[in-house]
N, C-alpha and C. Protein backbone atom coordinates (compact mmCIF):
# COMPACT_ATOMS: atom_id res chain seq x y z
N UNK A 1 0.80 -1.19 0.00
CA UNK A 1 0.00 0.00 0.00
C UNK A 1 0.84 1.26 0.00
N UNK A 2 1.96 1.19 0.63
CA UNK A 2 2.83 2.35 0.72
C UNK A 2 3.23 2.85 -0.67
N UNK A 3 3.54 1.93 -1.56
CA UNK A 3 3.91 2.31 -2.93
C UNK A 3 2.75 2.95 -3.68
N UNK A 4 1.53 2.47 -3.47
CA UNK A 4 0.34 3.01 -4.13
C UNK A 4 0.06 4.42 -3.63
N UNK A 5 0.19 4.64 -2.33
CA UNK A 5 -0.03 5.97 -1.77
C UNK A 5 1.00 6.97 -2.29
N UNK A 6 2.24 6.51 -2.34
CA UNK A 6 3.31 7.39 -2.82
C UNK A 6 3.06 7.76 -4.29
N UNK A 7 2.63 6.80 -5.10
CA UNK A 7 2.33 7.07 -6.50
C UNK A 7 1.17 8.07 -6.61
N UNK A 8 0.14 7.89 -5.80
CA UNK A 8 -1.01 8.80 -5.82
C UNK A 8 -0.57 10.21 -5.42
N UNK A 9 0.29 10.32 -4.42
CA UNK A 9 0.80 11.63 -4.00
C UNK A 9 1.62 12.27 -5.11
N UNK A 10 2.44 11.48 -5.78
CA UNK A 10 3.28 12.01 -6.87
C UNK A 10 2.41 12.51 -8.02
N UNK A 11 1.37 11.77 -8.36
CA UNK A 11 0.47 12.18 -9.44
C UNK A 11 -0.25 13.47 -9.04
N UNK A 12 -0.72 13.55 -7.81
CA UNK A 12 -1.41 14.76 -7.33
C UNK A 12 -0.47 15.96 -7.34
N UNK A 13 0.76 15.76 -6.90
CA UNK A 13 1.75 16.84 -6.88
C UNK A 13 2.07 17.30 -8.30
N UNK A 14 2.22 16.37 -9.22
CA UNK A 14 2.50 16.73 -10.61
C UNK A 14 1.34 17.55 -11.18
N UNK A 15 0.11 17.20 -10.84
CA UNK A 15 -1.04 17.96 -11.30
C UNK A 15 -1.04 19.38 -10.75
N UNK A 16 -0.68 19.54 -9.48
CA UNK A 16 -0.62 20.87 -8.88
C UNK A 16 0.48 21.72 -9.51
N UNK A 17 1.62 21.11 -9.78
CA UNK A 17 2.72 21.84 -10.42
C UNK A 17 2.30 22.29 -11.82
N UNK A 18 1.65 21.41 -12.58
CA UNK A 18 1.19 21.77 -13.93
C UNK A 18 0.19 22.91 -13.87
N UNK A 19 -0.73 22.86 -12.90
CA UNK A 19 -1.71 23.92 -12.75
C UNK A 19 -1.04 25.24 -12.39
N UNK A 20 -0.07 25.21 -11.51
CA UNK A 20 0.64 26.43 -11.12
C UNK A 20 1.40 27.01 -12.30
N UNK A 21 2.04 26.19 -13.10
CA UNK A 21 2.77 26.67 -14.27
C UNK A 21 1.82 27.28 -15.29
N UNK A 22 0.66 26.66 -15.47
CA UNK A 22 -0.32 27.19 -16.41
C UNK A 22 -0.81 28.55 -15.93
N UNK A 23 -1.00 28.72 -14.63
CA UNK A 23 -1.47 29.99 -14.08
C UNK A 23 -0.44 31.09 -14.31
N UNK A 24 0.84 30.76 -14.26
CA UNK A 24 1.87 31.77 -14.47
C UNK A 24 1.93 32.24 -15.91
N UNK A 25 1.56 31.38 -16.86
CA UNK A 25 1.72 31.74 -18.26
C UNK A 25 0.61 32.65 -18.79
N UNK A 26 -0.51 32.76 -18.11
CA UNK A 26 -1.61 33.59 -18.58
C UNK A 26 -2.19 34.39 -17.42
N UNK A 27 -1.86 35.68 -17.34
CA UNK A 27 -2.34 36.47 -16.21
C UNK A 27 -3.86 36.60 -16.24
N UNK A 28 -4.48 36.36 -15.10
CA UNK A 28 -5.94 36.38 -15.04
C UNK A 28 -6.51 37.76 -15.32
N UNK A 29 -5.73 38.80 -15.09
CA UNK A 29 -6.21 40.15 -15.32
C UNK A 29 -6.51 40.43 -16.78
N UNK A 30 -5.90 39.73 -17.70
CA UNK A 30 -6.13 39.95 -19.13
C UNK A 30 -7.01 38.87 -19.77
N UNK A 31 -7.01 37.68 -19.21
CA UNK A 31 -7.76 36.57 -19.79
C UNK A 31 -9.24 36.92 -19.88
N UNK A 32 -9.80 36.73 -21.07
CA UNK A 32 -11.21 36.98 -21.27
C UNK A 32 -11.57 38.43 -21.51
N UNK A 33 -10.57 39.29 -21.74
CA UNK A 33 -10.84 40.71 -21.97
C UNK A 33 -10.60 41.08 -23.43
N UNK A 34 -11.29 42.14 -23.88
CA UNK A 34 -11.13 42.65 -25.24
C UNK A 34 -10.96 44.16 -25.18
N UNK A 35 -10.06 44.69 -26.03
CA UNK A 35 -9.65 46.08 -25.95
C UNK A 35 -9.61 46.73 -27.32
N UNK A 36 -9.80 48.05 -27.35
CA UNK A 36 -9.65 48.83 -28.58
C UNK A 36 -8.65 49.96 -28.32
N UNK A 37 -7.86 50.26 -29.34
CA UNK A 37 -6.78 51.23 -29.22
C UNK A 37 -7.32 52.65 -29.09
N UNK A 38 -6.81 53.36 -28.08
CA UNK A 38 -7.16 54.76 -27.87
C UNK A 38 -6.08 55.66 -28.46
N UNK A 39 -4.82 55.34 -28.12
CA UNK A 39 -3.71 56.17 -28.61
C UNK A 39 -2.39 55.46 -28.42
N UNK A 40 -1.39 55.99 -29.13
CA UNK A 40 -0.01 55.53 -28.99
C UNK A 40 0.79 56.73 -28.50
N UNK A 41 1.40 56.58 -27.33
CA UNK A 41 2.21 57.66 -26.74
C UNK A 41 3.68 57.35 -26.99
N UNK A 42 4.39 58.28 -27.61
CA UNK A 42 5.82 58.12 -27.87
C UNK A 42 6.61 58.84 -26.79
N UNK A 43 7.87 58.42 -26.61
CA UNK A 43 8.70 59.04 -25.58
C UNK A 43 9.06 60.48 -25.91
N UNK A 44 8.95 60.86 -27.18
CA UNK A 44 9.25 62.25 -27.54
C UNK A 44 8.07 63.19 -27.28
N UNK A 45 6.99 62.64 -26.69
CA UNK A 45 5.84 63.47 -26.34
C UNK A 45 4.74 63.50 -27.38
N UNK A 46 4.96 62.90 -28.53
CA UNK A 46 3.90 62.87 -29.55
C UNK A 46 2.89 61.77 -29.23
N UNK A 47 1.66 62.02 -29.62
CA UNK A 47 0.58 61.06 -29.44
C UNK A 47 -0.12 60.86 -30.77
N UNK A 48 -0.35 59.61 -31.12
CA UNK A 48 -1.04 59.26 -32.35
C UNK A 48 -2.33 58.55 -31.97
N UNK A 49 -3.44 58.98 -32.56
CA UNK A 49 -4.73 58.36 -32.31
C UNK A 49 -5.25 57.76 -33.62
N UNK A 50 -5.83 56.56 -33.54
CA UNK A 50 -6.40 55.97 -34.75
C UNK A 50 -7.64 56.73 -35.19
N UNK A 51 -7.95 56.66 -36.48
CA UNK A 51 -9.17 57.32 -36.98
C UNK A 51 -10.42 56.65 -36.42
N UNK A 52 -10.31 55.36 -36.09
CA UNK A 52 -11.43 54.61 -35.50
C UNK A 52 -10.84 53.56 -34.56
N UNK A 53 -11.07 53.73 -33.26
CA UNK A 53 -10.50 52.82 -32.26
C UNK A 53 -10.92 51.37 -32.46
N UNK A 54 -12.11 51.15 -32.98
CA UNK A 54 -12.61 49.79 -33.17
C UNK A 54 -11.86 49.04 -34.28
N UNK A 55 -11.04 49.73 -35.05
CA UNK A 55 -10.25 49.08 -36.11
C UNK A 55 -8.96 48.47 -35.58
N UNK A 56 -8.62 48.73 -34.31
CA UNK A 56 -7.38 48.22 -33.72
C UNK A 56 -7.74 47.59 -32.38
N UNK A 57 -7.81 46.26 -32.37
CA UNK A 57 -8.31 45.57 -31.18
C UNK A 57 -7.43 44.39 -30.79
N UNK A 58 -7.55 44.02 -29.51
CA UNK A 58 -6.92 42.82 -28.97
C UNK A 58 -7.94 42.11 -28.11
N UNK A 59 -8.05 40.79 -28.26
CA UNK A 59 -8.94 39.97 -27.44
C UNK A 59 -8.11 38.82 -26.86
N UNK A 60 -7.96 38.82 -25.53
CA UNK A 60 -7.13 37.85 -24.83
C UNK A 60 -7.97 36.66 -24.37
N UNK A 61 -7.63 35.46 -24.81
CA UNK A 61 -8.31 34.25 -24.36
C UNK A 61 -7.56 33.65 -23.17
N UNK A 62 -8.27 32.92 -22.34
CA UNK A 62 -7.68 32.33 -21.14
C UNK A 62 -6.64 31.25 -21.48
N UNK A 63 -6.71 30.69 -22.67
CA UNK A 63 -5.78 29.62 -23.06
C UNK A 63 -4.47 30.15 -23.64
N UNK A 64 -4.25 31.48 -23.56
CA UNK A 64 -3.00 32.04 -24.07
C UNK A 64 -3.05 32.45 -25.53
N UNK A 65 -4.21 32.39 -26.14
CA UNK A 65 -4.36 32.85 -27.53
C UNK A 65 -4.87 34.28 -27.53
N UNK A 66 -4.54 35.00 -28.59
CA UNK A 66 -5.01 36.38 -28.74
C UNK A 66 -5.48 36.58 -30.17
N UNK A 67 -6.63 37.24 -30.31
CA UNK A 67 -7.14 37.63 -31.62
C UNK A 67 -6.96 39.13 -31.74
N UNK A 68 -6.55 39.58 -32.92
CA UNK A 68 -6.28 41.01 -33.10
C UNK A 68 -6.85 41.50 -34.42
N UNK A 69 -7.12 42.78 -34.44
CA UNK A 69 -7.50 43.46 -35.67
C UNK A 69 -6.62 44.68 -35.79
N UNK A 70 -6.07 44.90 -36.97
CA UNK A 70 -5.28 46.09 -37.26
C UNK A 70 -5.81 46.66 -38.57
N UNK A 71 -6.73 47.61 -38.45
CA UNK A 71 -7.38 48.27 -39.58
C UNK A 71 -8.10 47.23 -40.43
N UNK A 72 -7.63 46.99 -41.65
CA UNK A 72 -8.33 46.09 -42.56
C UNK A 72 -7.85 44.64 -42.46
N UNK A 73 -6.96 44.34 -41.52
CA UNK A 73 -6.43 42.99 -41.38
C UNK A 73 -6.72 42.43 -40.00
N UNK A 74 -6.77 41.12 -39.94
CA UNK A 74 -6.99 40.41 -38.69
C UNK A 74 -5.85 39.43 -38.47
N UNK A 75 -5.64 39.08 -37.19
CA UNK A 75 -4.57 38.16 -36.88
C UNK A 75 -4.87 37.33 -35.66
N UNK A 76 -4.13 36.23 -35.55
CA UNK A 76 -4.23 35.34 -34.40
C UNK A 76 -2.83 35.01 -33.94
N UNK A 77 -2.64 35.02 -32.63
CA UNK A 77 -1.32 34.73 -32.08
C UNK A 77 -1.44 34.22 -30.66
N UNK A 78 -0.35 34.34 -29.92
CA UNK A 78 -0.33 33.89 -28.53
C UNK A 78 0.21 34.99 -27.64
N UNK A 79 -0.11 34.87 -26.35
CA UNK A 79 0.41 35.79 -25.35
C UNK A 79 0.79 35.01 -24.10
N UNK A 80 1.83 35.49 -23.42
CA UNK A 80 2.27 34.87 -22.18
C UNK A 80 2.68 35.94 -21.19
N UNK A 81 2.72 35.54 -19.95
CA UNK A 81 3.20 36.41 -18.89
C UNK A 81 4.03 35.57 -17.94
N UNK A 82 5.29 35.94 -17.77
CA UNK A 82 6.19 35.19 -16.92
C UNK A 82 6.32 35.81 -15.53
N UNK A 83 5.52 36.82 -15.23
CA UNK A 83 5.56 37.47 -13.93
C UNK A 83 4.56 38.60 -13.87
N UNK A 84 4.47 39.20 -12.72
CA UNK A 84 3.52 40.30 -12.52
C UNK A 84 3.75 41.40 -13.54
N UNK A 85 2.72 41.77 -14.25
CA UNK A 85 2.71 42.85 -15.24
C UNK A 85 3.59 42.59 -16.46
N UNK A 86 4.18 41.42 -16.59
CA UNK A 86 4.97 41.11 -17.77
C UNK A 86 4.06 40.54 -18.86
N UNK A 87 4.34 40.91 -20.10
CA UNK A 87 3.52 40.44 -21.21
C UNK A 87 4.37 40.38 -22.47
N UNK A 88 4.27 39.26 -23.16
CA UNK A 88 4.89 39.14 -24.47
C UNK A 88 3.91 38.45 -25.41
N UNK A 89 4.00 38.82 -26.67
CA UNK A 89 3.19 38.20 -27.71
C UNK A 89 4.08 37.31 -28.56
N UNK A 90 3.52 36.19 -29.00
CA UNK A 90 4.19 35.34 -29.97
C UNK A 90 3.94 35.91 -31.36
N UNK A 91 4.37 35.18 -32.38
CA UNK A 91 4.13 35.62 -33.75
C UNK A 91 2.64 35.59 -34.07
N UNK A 92 2.22 36.49 -34.93
CA UNK A 92 0.83 36.55 -35.38
C UNK A 92 0.73 36.03 -36.81
N UNK A 93 -0.29 35.22 -37.06
CA UNK A 93 -0.67 34.87 -38.42
C UNK A 93 -1.73 35.90 -38.81
N UNK A 94 -1.51 36.62 -39.91
CA UNK A 94 -2.40 37.72 -40.26
C UNK A 94 -2.89 37.62 -41.70
N UNK A 95 -4.02 38.28 -41.94
CA UNK A 95 -4.45 38.47 -43.31
C UNK A 95 -3.56 39.56 -43.91
N UNK A 96 -3.57 39.71 -45.22
CA UNK A 96 -2.65 40.64 -45.86
C UNK A 96 -3.34 41.56 -46.85
N UNK A 97 -4.49 42.08 -46.47
CA UNK A 97 -5.18 43.04 -47.34
C UNK A 97 -4.42 44.36 -47.32
N UNK A 98 -4.53 45.12 -48.41
CA UNK A 98 -3.88 46.42 -48.47
C UNK A 98 -4.80 47.44 -47.81
N UNK A 99 -4.33 48.00 -46.70
CA UNK A 99 -5.10 49.00 -45.96
C UNK A 99 -4.91 50.38 -46.59
N UNK A 100 -5.79 51.32 -46.25
CA UNK A 100 -5.68 52.66 -46.82
C UNK A 100 -4.37 53.35 -46.43
N UNK A 101 -3.98 54.38 -47.20
CA UNK A 101 -2.78 55.14 -46.84
C UNK A 101 -2.94 55.72 -45.43
N UNK A 102 -1.85 55.91 -44.76
CA UNK A 102 -1.80 56.46 -43.40
C UNK A 102 -2.40 55.53 -42.34
N UNK A 103 -2.60 54.28 -42.67
CA UNK A 103 -3.09 53.30 -41.70
C UNK A 103 -2.01 53.04 -40.65
N UNK A 104 -2.43 52.77 -39.42
CA UNK A 104 -1.49 52.39 -38.35
C UNK A 104 -1.20 50.89 -38.38
N UNK A 105 -1.76 50.19 -39.34
CA UNK A 105 -1.67 48.73 -39.41
C UNK A 105 -0.24 48.19 -39.36
N UNK A 106 0.70 48.66 -40.21
CA UNK A 106 2.05 48.08 -40.14
C UNK A 106 2.72 48.35 -38.79
N UNK A 107 2.52 49.53 -38.27
CA UNK A 107 3.12 49.89 -36.98
C UNK A 107 2.53 49.03 -35.86
N UNK A 108 1.24 48.82 -35.86
CA UNK A 108 0.56 48.02 -34.84
C UNK A 108 1.15 46.61 -34.78
N UNK A 109 1.21 45.92 -35.94
CA UNK A 109 1.77 44.55 -35.95
C UNK A 109 3.23 44.55 -35.51
N UNK A 110 4.02 45.50 -36.00
CA UNK A 110 5.44 45.55 -35.65
C UNK A 110 5.61 45.75 -34.14
N UNK A 111 4.89 46.72 -33.59
CA UNK A 111 5.07 47.06 -32.18
C UNK A 111 4.61 45.98 -31.22
N UNK A 112 3.65 45.15 -31.61
CA UNK A 112 3.23 44.08 -30.71
C UNK A 112 4.39 43.17 -30.34
N UNK A 113 5.34 42.99 -31.24
CA UNK A 113 6.50 42.14 -30.94
C UNK A 113 7.44 42.77 -29.91
N UNK A 114 7.28 44.07 -29.65
CA UNK A 114 8.14 44.77 -28.69
C UNK A 114 7.47 45.01 -27.34
N UNK A 115 6.23 44.54 -27.16
CA UNK A 115 5.54 44.71 -25.88
C UNK A 115 6.25 43.86 -24.82
N UNK A 116 6.50 44.46 -23.66
CA UNK A 116 7.17 43.74 -22.58
C UNK A 116 6.41 43.77 -21.26
N UNK A 117 5.52 44.74 -21.08
CA UNK A 117 4.77 44.81 -19.84
C UNK A 117 3.42 45.47 -20.05
N UNK A 118 2.56 45.31 -19.06
CA UNK A 118 1.24 45.92 -19.14
C UNK A 118 0.85 46.47 -17.77
N UNK A 119 -0.12 47.38 -17.80
CA UNK A 119 -0.68 47.96 -16.60
C UNK A 119 -2.18 48.13 -16.82
N UNK A 120 -2.98 47.68 -15.87
CA UNK A 120 -4.41 47.93 -15.87
C UNK A 120 -4.67 49.03 -14.86
N UNK A 121 -5.17 50.18 -15.33
CA UNK A 121 -5.38 51.32 -14.44
C UNK A 121 -6.57 52.14 -14.92
N UNK A 122 -7.46 52.44 -14.00
CA UNK A 122 -8.64 53.27 -14.30
C UNK A 122 -9.42 52.76 -15.50
N UNK A 123 -9.55 51.44 -15.61
CA UNK A 123 -10.32 50.85 -16.70
C UNK A 123 -9.63 50.83 -18.03
N UNK A 124 -8.36 51.15 -18.06
CA UNK A 124 -7.58 51.16 -19.31
C UNK A 124 -6.46 50.13 -19.24
N UNK A 125 -6.02 49.70 -20.40
CA UNK A 125 -4.88 48.80 -20.54
C UNK A 125 -3.75 49.56 -21.19
N UNK A 126 -2.59 49.56 -20.54
CA UNK A 126 -1.39 50.23 -21.06
C UNK A 126 -0.36 49.16 -21.38
N UNK A 127 0.08 49.12 -22.64
CA UNK A 127 1.11 48.18 -23.07
C UNK A 127 2.40 48.96 -23.30
N UNK A 128 3.45 48.61 -22.56
CA UNK A 128 4.74 49.29 -22.69
C UNK A 128 5.66 48.52 -23.61
N UNK A 129 6.30 49.25 -24.52
CA UNK A 129 7.25 48.66 -25.45
C UNK A 129 8.64 48.67 -24.84
N UNK A 130 9.46 47.73 -25.25
CA UNK A 130 10.83 47.65 -24.72
C UNK A 130 11.63 48.89 -25.08
N UNK A 131 12.64 49.16 -24.29
CA UNK A 131 13.60 50.25 -24.52
C UNK A 131 12.91 51.60 -24.70
N UNK A 132 11.91 51.88 -23.87
CA UNK A 132 11.19 53.16 -23.94
C UNK A 132 10.66 53.44 -25.33
N UNK A 133 10.15 52.40 -25.99
CA UNK A 133 9.64 52.54 -27.35
C UNK A 133 8.26 53.16 -27.43
N UNK A 134 7.62 53.38 -26.29
CA UNK A 134 6.30 54.01 -26.30
C UNK A 134 5.30 53.20 -25.51
N UNK A 135 4.08 53.71 -25.47
CA UNK A 135 3.00 53.07 -24.72
C UNK A 135 1.74 53.07 -25.58
N UNK A 136 1.13 51.91 -25.70
CA UNK A 136 -0.16 51.76 -26.35
C UNK A 136 -1.23 51.81 -25.28
N UNK A 137 -2.23 52.67 -25.47
CA UNK A 137 -3.31 52.82 -24.50
C UNK A 137 -4.59 52.26 -25.12
N UNK A 138 -5.24 51.34 -24.39
CA UNK A 138 -6.46 50.70 -24.86
C UNK A 138 -7.60 50.95 -23.87
N UNK A 139 -8.82 51.00 -24.39
CA UNK A 139 -10.04 51.05 -23.59
C UNK A 139 -10.78 49.74 -23.84
N UNK A 140 -11.69 49.36 -22.93
CA UNK A 140 -12.47 48.15 -23.19
C UNK A 140 -13.19 48.25 -24.53
N UNK A 141 -13.25 47.16 -25.25
CA UNK A 141 -13.89 47.14 -26.56
C UNK A 141 -15.34 47.58 -26.43
N UNK A 142 -15.73 48.54 -27.27
CA UNK A 142 -17.08 49.05 -27.26
C UNK A 142 -17.29 50.25 -26.35
N UNK A 143 -16.30 50.58 -25.52
CA UNK A 143 -16.43 51.73 -24.61
C UNK A 143 -16.05 53.01 -25.35
N UNK A 144 -16.59 54.15 -24.92
CA UNK A 144 -16.13 55.44 -25.50
C UNK A 144 -14.64 55.58 -25.25
N UNK A 145 -13.91 56.09 -26.22
CA UNK A 145 -12.45 56.16 -26.09
C UNK A 145 -11.91 57.52 -25.77
N UNK A 146 -12.72 58.57 -25.81
CA UNK A 146 -12.18 59.90 -25.50
C UNK A 146 -12.11 60.08 -23.99
N UNK A 147 -11.06 60.74 -23.55
CA UNK A 147 -10.89 61.06 -22.14
C UNK A 147 -11.41 62.46 -21.91
N UNK A 148 -11.66 62.80 -20.67
CA UNK A 148 -12.14 64.13 -20.33
C UNK A 148 -11.15 65.16 -20.88
N UNK A 149 -11.67 66.08 -21.64
CA UNK A 149 -10.80 67.11 -22.24
C UNK A 149 -10.29 66.75 -23.62
N UNK A 150 -10.43 65.47 -24.03
CA UNK A 150 -9.99 65.07 -25.37
C UNK A 150 -10.98 65.57 -26.41
N UNK A 151 -10.50 66.00 -27.56
CA UNK A 151 -11.43 66.33 -28.64
C UNK A 151 -12.04 65.05 -29.18
N UNK A 152 -13.30 65.11 -29.52
CA UNK A 152 -13.95 63.89 -30.03
C UNK A 152 -14.08 63.92 -31.52
């Protein structure tokens, strides 16, 4: 019986370790949430706003998958978090339609690969790019995106 109990304990422990590792890879604060782009803040003080926030979106699934829209294209990829407020995206498989001139689409896809951390504050999602590359500010999908004092 001793061997059977030890085996049962080992199996239970392995299950707990797997569950703990899975919890670390997908932060609960983002799982199941969907966001639309409000603005991109650069370190030089410039701010870029999309012509339509609903054209630039991220939807985080609990299983570590992410669905995205960048103007006229859509994509699917993965996301992970190896610690508090840390966030990285895997490669995205995207459609390749030609978006209108001045679209933020190429910049959006490029910058997602440089995201290193996130902050949830006052109902907004802030994605920070590595090496002070800027901050992407998102509001919940479907919510008004202008802030008090912002021109609409």
